[in-house]
Amino acid sequence: MATFDAQTRSGTLLLDDGAELAFPAAAFDASGLRLLRLGQRVRVERDGSGRVTRVTLPTYD
């Protein structure tokens, strides 16, 4: 993860190819997580349009 704002619960992810991908609070809320740390590896789920719908930890479902 590249950035995370605990107040807005949104942020940006740094993908393995170096691209940045923003995620909204709704995607974080769908995860069930309480917080994310900078540099933490996450798993991303997207809808048909490519929008991030859920951000979770690789070992967390």
Protein backbone atom coordinates (compact mmCIF):
# COMPACT_ATOMS: atom_id res chain seq x y z
CA MET A 1 0.00 0.00 0.00
CA ALA A 2 1.24 3.48 -0.84
CA THR A 3 -1.08 5.75 1.18
CA PHE A 4 -3.95 5.35 3.64
CA ASP A 5 -5.96 8.04 5.39
CA ALA A 6 -7.52 6.56 8.53
CA GLN A 7 -10.06 9.39 8.76
CA THR A 8 -11.47 8.98 5.25
CA ARG A 9 -10.60 5.24 5.06
CA SER A 10 -9.38 5.68 1.47
CA GLY A 11 -5.97 5.61 -0.12
CA THR A 12 -3.77 4.41 -2.95
CA LEU A 13 -2.08 1.13 -3.70
CA LEU A 14 1.24 0.67 -5.45
CA LEU A 15 0.84 -2.30 -7.77
CA ASP A 16 3.65 -4.74 -8.57
CA ASP A 17 4.09 -3.09 -12.00
CA GLY A 18 4.65 0.32 -10.34
CA ALA A 19 1.22 1.77 -11.19
CA GLU A 20 -0.83 3.48 -8.50
CA LEU A 21 -4.46 2.51 -7.93
CA ALA A 22 -6.81 4.56 -5.75
CA PHE A 23 -9.37 2.86 -3.55
CA PRO A 24 -12.45 4.45 -1.95
CA ALA A 25 -13.66 4.13 1.63
CA ALA A 26 -16.37 1.67 0.50
CA ALA A 27 -13.67 -0.78 -0.68
CA PHE A 28 -11.91 -0.56 2.68
CA ASP A 29 -15.20 -0.87 4.59
CA ALA A 30 -16.05 -4.04 2.61
CA SER A 31 -12.82 -5.64 3.84
CA GLY A 32 -13.73 -5.83 7.53
CA LEU A 33 -10.26 -4.52 8.41
CA ARG A 34 -9.67 -1.78 10.97
CA LEU A 35 -6.54 -0.24 9.46
CA LEU A 36 -3.83 -0.68 6.87
CA ARG A 37 -0.11 0.05 7.21
CA LEU A 38 2.13 1.63 4.61
CA GLY A 39 4.03 -1.01 2.68
CA GLN A 40 1.57 -3.74 3.60
CA ARG A 41 0.76 -6.21 0.79
CA VAL A 42 -2.95 -6.43 0.03
CA ARG A 43 -5.30 -8.27 -2.29
CA VAL A 44 -7.58 -6.18 -4.52
CA GLU A 45 -11.01 -7.12 -5.86
CA ARG A 46 -12.52 -5.10 -8.72
CA ASP A 47 -15.90 -4.91 -10.41
CA GLY A 48 -16.52 -5.24 -14.14
CA SER A 49 -15.52 -1.63 -14.76
CA GLY A 50 -12.18 -2.04 -12.96
CA ARG A 51 -13.22 -0.05 -9.88
CA VAL A 52 -11.78 -1.34 -6.59
CA THR A 53 -14.58 -2.91 -4.54
CA ARG A 54 -12.61 -4.57 -1.74
CA VAL A 55 -9.10 -4.38 -0.29
CA THR A 56 -8.08 -7.26 1.97
CA LEU A 57 -5.00 -8.94 3.33
CA PRO A 58 -3.83 -11.98 1.33
CA THR A 59 -4.47 -14.24 4.35
CA TYR A 60 -7.78 -12.63 5.38
CA ASP A 61 -11.19 -13.42 3.87
